[in-house]
Amino acid sequence: MRAHQIMTKGCITVTPQTTIEAAARIMLDRRISGLPVLDDKAGLVGIVSESDFLRRSEIGTGRRRPAWLRFLVGPGKSASEYVHERGRRVEDVMTRDPVTIDENAPLEEIVRLMEKNDIKRLPVMSDKGLLGIVTRSNLLQAVASIAHEIPDPTADDDHIRDRIVREVDCADWKPLGFEVTVRNGVVHLHGLITADEVRHASIVAAQNIAGVKEVHDHLCLVDTWSGYYVESPDDTKAAS
């Protein structure tokens, strides 16, 4: 999937001259956490978001530094913070030159940019200008929509087993002596593991295969130093 397939189209925008009060009201009324800022030529010049309203004089959250720290910070930084905390227009608080993506950017790139820049939204651009915006909510919606996959007509027991084995075989955490049995879509996992995280990963790998109805864990946890082993929670429960 790509940006244009999951983005919010026709997103609400403001201008640099929009007042702080008006921008805050739009975000509250429309239940959105950020707004692209466009100049008089419809060019993207910034983003204003909820985080830009955290340090504001109206609510008494402006920064208060001791004199020695103000000296170290310098007058330029202090002046910028003053504008951010007391400015009356969007241009005073917005993030300028925001990170953007192309309409054909894949989801992998979108997530990488969000993580790298610690941001929650990315404007989607084309040669014609702003097309929309991708937020973390859009990514969540994509996950939810992909989860409803079309049933696989080849998902019989043999195909299920082969697909699980192939998925786990290529992982660097593959259990020792890994074996899979499948009957009527019910999967049983066998082998030795040295960490419970491997158990979880193996179960997830099986659950993600089309046609799987249940996964039963028979993976045995072994301490590599002492040789002591612990049966799987499923087997321990069955034996009690």
Protein backbone atom coordinates (compact mmCIF):
# COMPACT_ATOMS: atom_id res chain seq x y z
CA MET A 1 0.00 0.00 0.00
CA ARG A 2 1.06 3.57 -0.66
CA ALA A 3 0.43 6.99 0.81
CA HIS A 4 -2.36 7.99 -1.58
CA GLN A 5 -4.28 4.82 -0.68
CA ILE A 6 -4.51 5.53 3.05
CA MET A 7 -4.19 9.32 3.35
CA THR A 8 -6.94 11.65 4.52
CA LYS A 9 -7.96 13.67 1.47
CA GLY A 10 -9.27 17.22 1.51
CA CYS A 11 -7.67 17.83 4.88
CA ILE A 12 -8.52 21.02 6.77
CA THR A 13 -5.82 23.69 6.58
CA VAL A 14 -5.03 27.06 8.13
CA THR A 15 -2.85 30.00 7.14
CA PRO A 16 0.11 31.53 8.97
CA GLN A 17 -2.19 34.43 9.93
CA THR A 18 -4.87 32.24 11.48
CA THR A 19 -5.16 33.02 15.18
CA ILE A 20 -4.09 30.55 17.82
CA GLU A 21 -7.63 30.53 19.22
CA ALA A 22 -9.15 29.74 15.82
CA ALA A 23 -6.69 26.93 15.12
CA ALA A 24 -7.30 25.38 18.54
CA ARG A 25 -11.06 25.60 18.03
CA ILE A 26 -10.85 23.90 14.62
CA MET A 27 -8.79 21.05 16.08
CA LEU A 28 -11.26 20.58 18.93
CA ASP A 29 -14.39 20.81 16.80
CA ARG A 30 -13.08 18.49 14.08
CA ARG A 31 -11.31 16.16 16.53
CA ILE A 32 -7.99 16.33 14.72
CA SER A 33 -4.53 16.70 16.22
CA GLY A 34 -2.73 18.66 13.51
CA LEU A 35 -3.28 21.12 10.68
CA PRO A 36 -1.19 21.84 7.55
CA VAL A 37 -0.39 25.54 7.16
CA LEU A 38 -0.67 26.97 3.63
CA ASP A 39 0.45 30.37 2.40
CA ASP A 40 -1.55 32.59 0.05
CA LYS A 41 -0.29 30.57 -2.95
CA ALA A 42 -1.44 27.26 -1.41
CA GLY A 43 2.16 26.31 -0.68
CA LEU A 44 2.85 24.24 2.42
CA VAL A 45 4.86 26.29 4.92
CA GLY A 46 4.30 24.45 8.18
CA ILE A 47 2.35 22.17 10.47
CA VAL A 48 0.62 23.17 13.68
CA SER A 49 -0.23 20.37 16.12
CA GLU A 50 -1.38 19.69 19.66
CA SER A 51 2.20 19.70 20.90
CA ASP A 52 2.58 23.33 19.81
CA PHE A 53 0.01 24.32 22.45
CA LEU A 54 1.70 22.62 25.40
CA ARG A 55 3.88 25.59 26.38
CA ARG A 56 1.49 28.55 26.48
CA SER A 57 1.28 31.54 28.80
CA GLU A 58 -2.53 31.38 28.89
CA ILE A 59 -2.46 28.13 30.84
CA GLY A 60 0.66 28.90 32.86
CA THR A 61 2.89 26.28 31.23
CA GLY A 62 5.58 28.60 29.89
CA ARG A 63 9.17 27.63 30.67
CA ARG A 64 10.70 29.04 33.85
CA ARG A 65 14.45 28.69 33.98
CA PRO A 66 16.85 29.85 36.70
CA ALA A 67 19.06 32.82 35.77
CA TRP A 68 22.19 30.71 35.23
CA LEU A 69 20.38 28.44 32.77
CA ARG A 70 18.89 31.40 30.91
CA PHE A 71 22.42 32.70 30.50
CA LEU A 72 23.58 29.39 29.03
CA VAL A 73 20.59 29.13 26.71
CA GLY A 74 21.22 32.59 25.30
CA PRO A 75 18.93 35.44 24.25
CA GLY A 76 18.07 33.95 20.85
CA LYS A 77 16.60 30.75 22.28
CA SER A 78 14.80 32.65 25.03
CA ALA A 79 13.29 35.06 22.52
CA SER A 80 12.07 32.19 20.30
CA GLU A 81 10.43 30.52 23.29
CA TYR A 82 8.77 33.79 24.26
CA VAL A 83 7.21 34.06 20.80
CA HIS A 84 6.09 30.43 20.90
CA GLU A 85 4.47 30.85 24.31
CA ARG A 86 2.84 34.26 23.74
CA GLY A 87 2.42 34.62 19.98
CA ARG A 88 -1.15 35.10 18.76
CA ARG A 89 -0.93 33.58 15.28
CA VAL A 90 -0.20 30.13 13.86
CA GLU A 91 3.05 31.34 12.31
CA ASP A 92 4.36 31.98 15.83
CA VAL A 93 4.02 28.36 16.97
CA MET A 94 3.99 26.14 13.87
CA THR A 95 6.74 23.74 12.84
CA ARG A 96 8.29 25.20 9.70
CA ASP A 97 9.52 23.20 6.69
CA PRO A 98 7.75 20.00 7.77
CA VAL A 99 8.82 16.56 6.61
CA THR A 100 6.64 15.48 3.66
CA ILE A 101 6.13 12.41 1.50
CA ASP A 102 5.27 11.72 -2.11
CA GLU A 103 1.85 10.30 -2.91
CA ASN A 104 3.50 7.00 -3.99
CA ALA A 105 5.56 6.56 -0.82
CA PRO A 106 5.20 2.99 0.53
CA LEU A 107 4.03 2.40 4.10
CA GLU A 108 7.51 1.25 5.10
CA GLU A 109 8.95 4.68 4.22
CA ILE A 110 6.09 6.45 6.01
CA VAL A 111 6.72 4.55 9.24
CA ARG A 112 10.50 5.05 8.95
CA LEU A 113 10.09 8.82 8.63
CA MET A 114 7.64 9.00 11.51
CA GLU A 115 9.99 7.08 13.78
CA LYS A 116 13.14 8.90 12.65
CA ASN A 117 11.63 12.36 13.12
CA ASP A 118 9.36 11.50 16.07
CA ILE A 119 6.28 12.86 14.30
CA LYS A 120 2.68 11.70 14.07
CA ARG A 121 1.65 13.04 10.67
CA LEU A 122 3.10 13.54 7.19
CA PRO A 123 1.68 15.84 4.49
CA VAL A 124 1.32 14.07 1.14
CA MET A 125 2.60 16.16 -1.76
CA SER A 126 2.52 16.09 -5.56
CA ASP A 127 3.57 18.52 -8.27
CA LYS A 128 0.20 20.22 -7.78
CA GLY A 129 0.74 20.78 -4.07
CA LEU A 130 -0.84 19.28 -0.96
CA LEU A 131 -2.96 16.19 -1.66
CA GLY A 132 -3.70 15.02 1.85
CA ILE A 133 -2.13 13.92 5.11
CA VAL A 134 -1.13 10.56 6.57
CA THR A 135 -1.41 10.16 10.32
CA ARG A 136 -0.83 7.27 12.69
CA SER A 137 -4.60 6.80 12.71
CA ASN A 138 -4.49 6.19 8.96
CA LEU A 139 -1.87 3.49 9.51
CA LEU A 140 -4.07 1.91 12.18
CA GLN A 141 -6.98 1.89 9.73
CA ALA A 142 -4.75 0.20 7.14
CA VAL A 143 -3.84 -2.55 9.61
CA ALA A 144 -7.52 -3.10 10.41
CA SER A 145 -8.52 -3.29 6.75
CA ILE A 146 -5.72 -5.67 5.78
CA ALA A 147 -6.66 -7.98 8.66
CA HIS A 148 -9.85 -8.89 6.77
CA GLU A 149 -8.16 -10.95 4.08
CA ILE A 150 -9.90 -13.04 1.44
CA PRO A 151 -9.91 -16.74 2.45
CA ASP A 152 -7.20 -18.78 0.73
CA PRO A 153 -8.76 -21.71 -1.19
CA THR A 154 -5.43 -23.62 -1.03
CA ALA A 155 -5.30 -23.49 2.77
CA ASP A 156 -5.52 -27.24 3.38
CA ASP A 157 -3.52 -28.95 6.13
CA ASP A 158 -0.48 -29.72 3.95
CA HIS A 159 -0.27 -26.18 2.60
CA ILE A 160 -0.66 -24.75 6.10
CA ARG A 161 2.15 -26.90 7.45
CA ASP A 162 4.49 -26.04 4.55
CA ARG A 163 3.85 -22.32 4.91
CA ILE A 164 4.49 -22.32 8.65
CA VAL A 165 7.72 -24.27 8.21
CA ARG A 166 8.93 -21.91 5.46
CA GLU A 167 8.08 -18.84 7.55
CA VAL A 168 9.95 -20.08 10.62
CA ASP A 169 12.87 -21.69 8.74
CA CYS A 170 14.01 -18.30 7.42
CA ALA A 171 14.00 -16.71 10.91
CA ASP A 172 17.19 -16.39 12.95
CA TRP A 173 15.21 -17.42 16.06
CA LYS A 174 14.03 -20.77 14.66
CA PRO A 175 13.43 -23.36 17.43
CA LEU A 176 15.73 -26.38 17.51
CA GLY A 177 14.18 -29.50 16.00
CA PHE A 178 11.16 -27.48 14.89
CA GLU A 179 8.24 -29.66 13.80
CA VAL A 180 4.69 -28.79 12.77
CA THR A 181 1.63 -31.01 12.56
CA VAL A 182 -1.74 -29.84 11.25
CA ARG A 183 -5.13 -31.53 11.39
CA ASN A 184 -8.30 -29.80 10.20
CA GLY A 185 -6.62 -26.41 10.53
CA VAL A 186 -5.48 -27.05 14.11
CA VAL A 187 -1.70 -26.54 14.40
CA HIS A 188 0.68 -28.18 16.87
CA LEU A 189 4.20 -26.74 17.28
CA HIS A 190 7.06 -28.88 18.61
CA GLY A 191 10.73 -28.17 19.28
CA LEU A 192 13.22 -26.69 21.73
CA ILE A 193 13.55 -22.99 22.52
CA THR A 194 15.98 -21.03 24.69
CA ALA A 195 13.80 -17.94 25.24
CA ASP A 196 10.06 -17.42 25.76
CA GLU A 197 10.14 -14.68 23.10
CA VAL A 198 10.80 -17.44 20.55
CA ARG A 199 7.64 -19.22 21.72
CA HIS A 200 5.61 -16.08 21.12
CA ALA A 201 7.17 -15.47 17.69
CA SER A 202 6.53 -19.09 16.62
CA ILE A 203 2.87 -18.88 17.65
CA VAL A 204 2.42 -15.58 15.81
CA ALA A 205 4.04 -17.04 12.68
CA ALA A 206 1.52 -19.88 12.73
CA GLN A 207 -1.48 -17.66 13.51
CA ASN A 208 -0.70 -15.48 10.48
CA ILE A 209 -1.09 -18.34 8.02
CA ALA A 210 -4.43 -18.46 6.19
CA GLY A 211 -6.62 -21.37 7.25
CA VAL A 212 -5.22 -21.77 10.75
CA LYS A 213 -8.00 -22.20 13.32
CA GLU A 214 -6.02 -22.87 16.49
CA VAL A 215 -2.38 -23.10 17.53
CA HIS A 216 -1.23 -25.47 20.27
CA ASP A 217 2.18 -24.85 21.75
CA HIS A 218 4.38 -27.84 22.65
CA LEU A 219 7.68 -25.95 22.51
CA CYS A 220 9.97 -26.91 25.38
CA LEU A 221 12.06 -24.18 27.05
CA VAL A 222 15.65 -25.30 27.74
CA ASP A 223 18.29 -23.56 29.86
CA THR A 224 21.48 -23.81 27.80
CA TRP A 225 23.70 -23.68 30.88
CA SER A 226 22.07 -26.20 33.18
CA GLY A 227 20.14 -28.28 30.67
CA TYR A 228 17.04 -27.80 32.80
CA TYR A 229 13.86 -27.72 30.72
CA VAL A 230 10.30 -26.51 31.20
CA GLU A 231 7.33 -27.85 29.30
CA SER A 232 5.07 -25.43 27.43
CA PRO A 233 2.19 -23.77 29.30
CA ASP A 234 -0.25 -25.77 27.12
CA ASP A 235 1.35 -29.10 28.05
CA THR A 236 1.67 -28.16 31.73
CA LYS A 237 -2.02 -27.23 31.84
CA ALA A 238 -3.04 -30.44 30.06
CA ALA A 239 -1.06 -32.56 32.55
CA SER A 240 -2.60 -30.92 35.63
